[in-house]
Each structure stands twice: as C-alpha cells, then as structure tokens.
Amino acid sequence: MWTRQHKQTNTGRLIIPTISAVVLAYFGFHAYHGEFGIYSKYRLQAQTQDLQAQFDAIKGRRTELERRVQLLHDGTLEKDMLDEQARRALNLSHADEVVIMRPGNID
C-alpha cells in the first residue's frame, strides 16, 4: 500500500482570505467611486443645488418678463411702456428730447 505524505504549506491557508480581501476591496472601491456610489451621491447633490440656483434665476427672470408683457396686453395697455419699447426697438427719439446713454443690458 502506497501512502503519500504531504507537507502542509502556508500558501494553502492564505488563498481563501486573500481572494476574500480582494473581492471586498473591489466592491468597497465601487461602493464609494462607482456610478451609484457615495461620491457620486455627493456630486449629484452639488449639481442639483447648482441647477436649482439656475432654475430660480430663470424663474425670476420669467416672472419679470411676464410682468412686462402684462403691461402690453390690450385693455391694460400702458402708453409709456409701449412708447419706451417702440423707441428702444427702432432706436428713435424726438428732436427736443435729451437721451442719456447708460452702460449695461437693455432688454
């Protein structure tokens, strides 16, 4: 009867813990840096805040434009507003008027 005697090595004992550590490190890395990870969550929250600020600015601008358009509606037509818009669009003024040029946006 033949018997073999094997000398037990330390490498056999380290294979499963090493593989487990590598798998845990892989999933841990992707849990933090992955597409749906912790870091992405914070980045999306910051982006959401930036977009919300832009949305609020645009919403305020729209409210202002709606208010100005309301002044031009029939029945509530404000003559000064209509005159101002027409002069600005046509770049005209009367001969007896004083024109003061200001730097900035003219909407």
N, C-alpha and C. Protein backbone atom coordinates (compact mmCIF):
# COMPACT_ATOMS: atom_id res chain seq x y z
N MET A 1 0.84 -1.14 0.00
CA MET A 1 0.00 0.00 0.00
C MET A 1 0.90 1.23 0.00
N TRP A 2 0.54 2.08 -0.92
CA TRP A 2 1.34 3.28 -1.08
C TRP A 2 0.71 4.44 -0.30
N THR A 3 1.49 5.17 0.39
CA THR A 3 0.99 6.35 1.09
C THR A 3 1.86 7.54 0.73
N ARG A 4 1.20 8.63 0.59
CA ARG A 4 1.94 9.86 0.31
C ARG A 4 1.80 10.78 1.51
N GLN A 5 2.83 11.38 1.85
CA GLN A 5 2.78 12.33 2.93
C GLN A 5 3.05 13.71 2.36
N HIS A 6 2.13 14.58 2.61
CA HIS A 6 2.27 15.94 2.10
C HIS A 6 2.67 16.84 3.24
N LYS A 7 3.56 17.70 2.92
CA LYS A 7 3.95 18.71 3.87
C LYS A 7 2.99 19.88 3.70
N GLN A 8 2.34 20.29 4.77
CA GLN A 8 1.35 21.35 4.68
C GLN A 8 2.06 22.70 4.53
N THR A 9 1.66 23.46 3.49
CA THR A 9 2.29 24.76 3.23
C THR A 9 1.38 25.88 3.72
N ASN A 10 1.98 27.04 3.94
CA ASN A 10 1.22 28.21 4.39
C ASN A 10 0.44 28.86 3.26
N THR A 11 0.85 28.61 2.02
CA THR A 11 0.15 29.24 0.90
C THR A 11 -1.27 28.72 0.77
N GLY A 12 -1.51 27.52 1.08
CA GLY A 12 -2.86 26.96 1.02
C GLY A 12 -3.78 27.63 2.03
N ARG A 13 -3.26 28.03 3.14
CA ARG A 13 -4.06 28.68 4.17
C ARG A 13 -4.38 30.14 3.80
N LEU A 14 -3.61 30.73 2.93
CA LEU A 14 -3.78 32.14 2.61
C LEU A 14 -4.60 32.40 1.34
N ILE A 15 -4.91 31.38 0.59
CA ILE A 15 -5.61 31.57 -0.68
C ILE A 15 -7.01 32.15 -0.47
N ILE A 16 -7.82 31.53 0.35
CA ILE A 16 -9.20 31.98 0.55
C ILE A 16 -9.25 33.36 1.21
N PRO A 17 -8.48 33.64 2.28
CA PRO A 17 -8.52 35.01 2.83
C PRO A 17 -8.04 36.07 1.84
N THR A 18 -7.07 35.74 1.00
CA THR A 18 -6.58 36.69 0.01
C THR A 18 -7.65 36.98 -1.04
N ILE A 19 -8.30 35.95 -1.53
CA ILE A 19 -9.37 36.13 -2.51
C ILE A 19 -10.51 36.93 -1.90
N SER A 20 -10.85 36.63 -0.65
CA SER A 20 -11.92 37.37 0.03
C SER A 20 -11.56 38.84 0.20
N ALA A 21 -10.32 39.13 0.56
CA ALA A 21 -9.89 40.52 0.72
C ALA A 21 -9.93 41.26 -0.60
N VAL A 22 -9.52 40.62 -1.68
CA VAL A 22 -9.54 41.25 -3.00
C VAL A 22 -10.98 41.54 -3.43
N VAL A 23 -11.89 40.59 -3.23
CA VAL A 23 -13.29 40.79 -3.60
C VAL A 23 -13.90 41.92 -2.77
N LEU A 24 -13.63 41.94 -1.47
CA LEU A 24 -14.15 43.01 -0.61
C LEU A 24 -13.57 44.36 -1.02
N ALA A 25 -12.30 44.41 -1.36
CA ALA A 25 -11.69 45.66 -1.79
C ALA A 25 -12.32 46.14 -3.10
N TYR A 26 -12.58 45.23 -4.01
CA TYR A 26 -13.20 45.58 -5.29
C TYR A 26 -14.59 46.20 -5.06
N PHE A 27 -15.42 45.51 -4.29
CA PHE A 27 -16.76 46.01 -4.06
C PHE A 27 -16.76 47.27 -3.19
N GLY A 28 -15.82 47.37 -2.27
CA GLY A 28 -15.70 48.57 -1.46
C GLY A 28 -15.32 49.77 -2.30
N PHE A 29 -14.38 49.59 -3.22
CA PHE A 29 -13.98 50.68 -4.12
C PHE A 29 -15.16 51.16 -4.95
N HIS A 30 -15.90 50.21 -5.51
CA HIS A 30 -17.03 50.59 -6.36
C HIS A 30 -18.22 51.12 -5.55
N ALA A 31 -18.31 50.75 -4.29
CA ALA A 31 -19.37 51.31 -3.45
C ALA A 31 -19.11 52.78 -3.20
N TYR A 32 -17.86 53.19 -3.20
CA TYR A 32 -17.54 54.60 -2.98
C TYR A 32 -17.43 55.38 -4.28
N HIS A 33 -16.72 54.82 -5.26
CA HIS A 33 -16.42 55.55 -6.50
C HIS A 33 -17.30 55.16 -7.68
N GLY A 34 -18.16 54.19 -7.54
CA GLY A 34 -18.96 53.71 -8.66
C GLY A 34 -20.00 54.70 -9.13
N GLU A 35 -20.72 54.33 -10.16
CA GLU A 35 -21.72 55.21 -10.75
C GLU A 35 -22.82 55.58 -9.74
N PHE A 36 -23.17 54.64 -8.88
CA PHE A 36 -24.19 54.90 -7.87
C PHE A 36 -23.59 54.88 -6.47
N GLY A 37 -22.32 55.21 -6.36
CA GLY A 37 -21.63 55.18 -5.09
C GLY A 37 -21.82 56.42 -4.25
N ILE A 38 -21.14 56.44 -3.12
CA ILE A 38 -21.25 57.53 -2.16
C ILE A 38 -20.74 58.84 -2.76
N TYR A 39 -19.59 58.81 -3.42
CA TYR A 39 -19.02 60.01 -4.01
C TYR A 39 -19.95 60.58 -5.09
N SER A 40 -20.55 59.70 -5.87
CA SER A 40 -21.48 60.15 -6.92
C SER A 40 -22.71 60.81 -6.31
N LYS A 41 -23.13 60.32 -5.17
CA LYS A 41 -24.29 60.90 -4.49
C LYS A 41 -24.00 62.35 -4.11
N TYR A 42 -22.82 62.61 -3.54
CA TYR A 42 -22.46 63.97 -3.15
C TYR A 42 -22.29 64.87 -4.37
N ARG A 43 -21.74 64.33 -5.43
CA ARG A 43 -21.56 65.10 -6.65
C ARG A 43 -22.92 65.45 -7.26
N LEU A 44 -23.86 64.52 -7.24
CA LEU A 44 -25.19 64.78 -7.77
C LEU A 44 -25.94 65.80 -6.91
N GLN A 45 -25.73 65.76 -5.59
CA GLN A 45 -26.36 66.75 -4.72
C GLN A 45 -25.83 68.15 -5.01
N ALA A 46 -24.52 68.27 -5.23
CA ALA A 46 -23.94 69.57 -5.56
C ALA A 46 -24.46 70.06 -6.91
N GLN A 47 -24.57 69.16 -7.86
CA GLN A 47 -25.08 69.53 -9.18
C GLN A 47 -26.55 69.94 -9.08
N THR A 48 -27.30 69.26 -8.23
CA THR A 48 -28.71 69.61 -8.03
C THR A 48 -28.85 71.01 -7.45
N GLN A 49 -27.99 71.37 -6.50
CA GLN A 49 -28.03 72.70 -5.92
C GLN A 49 -27.69 73.77 -6.97
N ASP A 50 -26.69 73.50 -7.80
CA ASP A 50 -26.33 74.46 -8.86
C ASP A 50 -27.49 74.64 -9.85
N LEU A 51 -28.09 73.54 -10.25
CA LEU A 51 -29.20 73.62 -11.20
C LEU A 51 -30.43 74.29 -10.57
N GLN A 52 -30.64 74.08 -9.27
CA GLN A 52 -31.75 74.73 -8.59
C GLN A 52 -31.54 76.24 -8.55
N ALA A 53 -30.29 76.67 -8.33
CA ALA A 53 -29.99 78.11 -8.32
C ALA A 53 -30.23 78.71 -9.71
N GLN A 54 -29.81 77.99 -10.75
CA GLN A 54 -30.06 78.46 -12.11
C GLN A 54 -31.56 78.52 -12.41
N PHE A 55 -32.28 77.52 -11.94
CA PHE A 55 -33.73 77.47 -12.15
C PHE A 55 -34.41 78.65 -11.46
N ASP A 56 -33.99 78.96 -10.24
CA ASP A 56 -34.57 80.09 -9.52
C ASP A 56 -34.29 81.41 -10.23
N ALA A 57 -33.07 81.56 -10.78
CA ALA A 57 -32.73 82.78 -11.51
C ALA A 57 -33.58 82.91 -12.77
N ILE A 58 -33.74 81.82 -13.49
CA ILE A 58 -34.54 81.84 -14.72
C ILE A 58 -36.01 82.08 -14.39
N LYS A 59 -36.47 81.49 -13.29
CA LYS A 59 -37.85 81.68 -12.89
C LYS A 59 -38.12 83.15 -12.52
N GLY A 60 -37.17 83.78 -11.85
CA GLY A 60 -37.30 85.20 -11.52
C GLY A 60 -37.32 86.05 -12.77
N ARG A 61 -36.44 85.72 -13.72
CA ARG A 61 -36.39 86.46 -14.99
C ARG A 61 -37.71 86.30 -15.75
N ARG A 62 -38.26 85.09 -15.73
CA ARG A 62 -39.54 84.84 -16.43
C ARG A 62 -40.66 85.64 -15.77
N THR A 63 -40.68 85.69 -14.46
CA THR A 63 -41.70 86.47 -13.76
C THR A 63 -41.62 87.94 -14.14
N GLU A 64 -40.40 88.45 -14.22
CA GLU A 64 -40.21 89.85 -14.62
C GLU A 64 -40.70 90.07 -16.05
N LEU A 65 -40.37 89.17 -16.95
CA LEU A 65 -40.83 89.30 -18.34
C LEU A 65 -42.35 89.18 -18.44
N GLU A 66 -42.94 88.28 -17.66
CA GLU A 66 -44.40 88.16 -17.68
C GLU A 66 -45.05 89.45 -17.18
N ARG A 67 -44.45 90.07 -16.18
CA ARG A 67 -44.99 91.33 -15.66
C ARG A 67 -44.92 92.41 -16.73
N ARG A 68 -43.81 92.46 -17.46
CA ARG A 68 -43.66 93.47 -18.51
C ARG A 68 -44.61 93.20 -19.68
N VAL A 69 -44.82 91.94 -20.01
CA VAL A 69 -45.76 91.60 -21.09
C VAL A 69 -47.18 91.94 -20.67
N GLN A 70 -47.49 91.74 -19.39
CA GLN A 70 -48.83 92.06 -18.90
C GLN A 70 -49.14 93.54 -19.09
N LEU A 71 -48.11 94.38 -19.00
CA LEU A 71 -48.33 95.81 -19.21
C LEU A 71 -48.68 96.14 -20.66
N LEU A 72 -48.34 95.25 -21.59
CA LEU A 72 -48.60 95.50 -23.01
C LEU A 72 -49.90 94.86 -23.50
N HIS A 73 -50.61 94.14 -22.64
CA HIS A 73 -51.86 93.49 -23.07
C HIS A 73 -52.94 94.53 -23.36
N ASP A 74 -53.85 94.16 -24.24
CA ASP A 74 -54.94 95.04 -24.62
C ASP A 74 -55.85 95.26 -23.42
N GLY A 75 -56.29 96.47 -23.22
CA GLY A 75 -57.14 96.80 -22.10
C GLY A 75 -56.35 97.36 -20.93
N THR A 76 -55.13 96.88 -20.76
CA THR A 76 -54.26 97.41 -19.71
C THR A 76 -53.02 98.02 -20.33
N LEU A 77 -53.15 98.40 -21.58
CA LEU A 77 -52.01 98.92 -22.32
C LEU A 77 -51.50 100.21 -21.69
N GLU A 78 -50.29 100.19 -21.26
CA GLU A 78 -49.69 101.37 -20.67
C GLU A 78 -48.94 102.12 -21.76
N LYS A 79 -49.35 103.33 -22.02
CA LYS A 79 -48.80 104.11 -23.14
C LYS A 79 -47.30 104.37 -22.99
N ASP A 80 -46.86 104.66 -21.78
CA ASP A 80 -45.43 104.91 -21.58
C ASP A 80 -44.60 103.67 -21.87
N MET A 81 -45.10 102.51 -21.45
CA MET A 81 -44.37 101.26 -21.69
C MET A 81 -44.28 100.98 -23.19
N LEU A 82 -45.39 101.16 -23.89
CA LEU A 82 -45.40 100.94 -25.33
C LEU A 82 -44.46 101.91 -26.04
N ASP A 83 -44.49 103.16 -25.63
CA ASP A 83 -43.62 104.18 -26.23
C ASP A 83 -42.15 103.84 -25.97
N GLU A 84 -41.84 103.43 -24.76
CA GLU A 84 -40.45 103.08 -24.42
C GLU A 84 -39.95 101.91 -25.25
N GLN A 85 -40.78 100.87 -25.38
CA GLN A 85 -40.37 99.69 -26.14
C GLN A 85 -40.21 100.02 -27.63
N ALA A 86 -41.10 100.83 -28.17
CA ALA A 86 -41.01 101.18 -29.59
C ALA A 86 -39.77 102.02 -29.86
N ARG A 87 -39.48 102.98 -28.99
CA ARG A 87 -38.29 103.81 -29.19
C ARG A 87 -37.01 102.99 -29.08
N ARG A 88 -36.99 102.06 -28.14
CA ARG A 88 -35.81 101.22 -27.97
C ARG A 88 -35.62 100.29 -29.17
N ALA A 89 -36.71 99.72 -29.67
CA ALA A 89 -36.61 98.80 -30.81
C ALA A 89 -36.22 99.53 -32.09
N LEU A 90 -36.75 100.73 -32.28
CA LEU A 90 -36.48 101.47 -33.50
C LEU A 90 -35.29 102.41 -33.39
N ASN A 91 -34.79 102.60 -32.17
CA ASN A 91 -33.64 103.47 -31.92
C ASN A 91 -33.93 104.90 -32.39
N LEU A 92 -35.10 105.41 -31.98
CA LEU A 92 -35.53 106.74 -32.38
C LEU A 92 -35.83 107.60 -31.16
N SER A 93 -35.75 108.90 -31.34
CA SER A 93 -36.16 109.85 -30.30
C SER A 93 -36.60 111.14 -30.99
N HIS A 94 -37.33 111.96 -30.27
CA HIS A 94 -37.76 113.25 -30.81
C HIS A 94 -36.59 114.24 -30.76
N ALA A 95 -36.68 115.28 -31.54
CA ALA A 95 -35.60 116.27 -31.61
C ALA A 95 -35.45 117.05 -30.31
N ASP A 96 -36.53 117.23 -29.57
CA ASP A 96 -36.46 118.02 -28.35
C ASP A 96 -36.20 117.18 -27.09
N GLU A 97 -35.89 115.90 -27.25
CA GLU A 97 -35.65 115.03 -26.10
C GLU A 97 -34.16 114.92 -25.80
N VAL A 98 -33.86 114.72 -24.54
CA VAL A 98 -32.48 114.50 -24.10
C VAL A 98 -32.32 113.00 -23.88
N VAL A 99 -31.31 112.42 -24.50
CA VAL A 99 -31.07 110.99 -24.40
C VAL A 99 -29.84 110.78 -23.52
N ILE A 100 -29.98 109.95 -22.51
CA ILE A 100 -28.87 109.63 -21.61
C ILE A 100 -28.51 108.17 -21.86
N MET A 101 -27.31 107.94 -22.30
CA MET A 101 -26.84 106.58 -22.61
C MET A 101 -26.23 105.99 -21.35
N ARG A 102 -26.69 104.79 -20.96
CA ARG A 102 -26.17 104.10 -19.80
C ARG A 102 -25.56 102.78 -20.25
N PRO A 103 -24.43 102.39 -19.63
CA PRO A 103 -23.88 101.07 -19.95
C PRO A 103 -24.72 99.99 -19.28
N GLY A 104 -24.75 98.83 -19.86
CA GLY A 104 -25.48 97.71 -19.26
C GLY A 104 -26.44 97.08 -20.24
N ASN A 105 -27.14 96.08 -19.74
CA ASN A 105 -28.11 95.37 -20.57
C ASN A 105 -29.34 96.21 -20.77
N ILE A 106 -29.80 96.25 -22.00
CA ILE A 106 -31.04 96.95 -22.32
C ILE A 106 -31.96 95.89 -22.90
N ASP A 107 -32.93 95.48 -22.13
CA ASP A 107 -33.85 94.43 -22.57
C ASP A 107 -35.16 95.02 -22.99
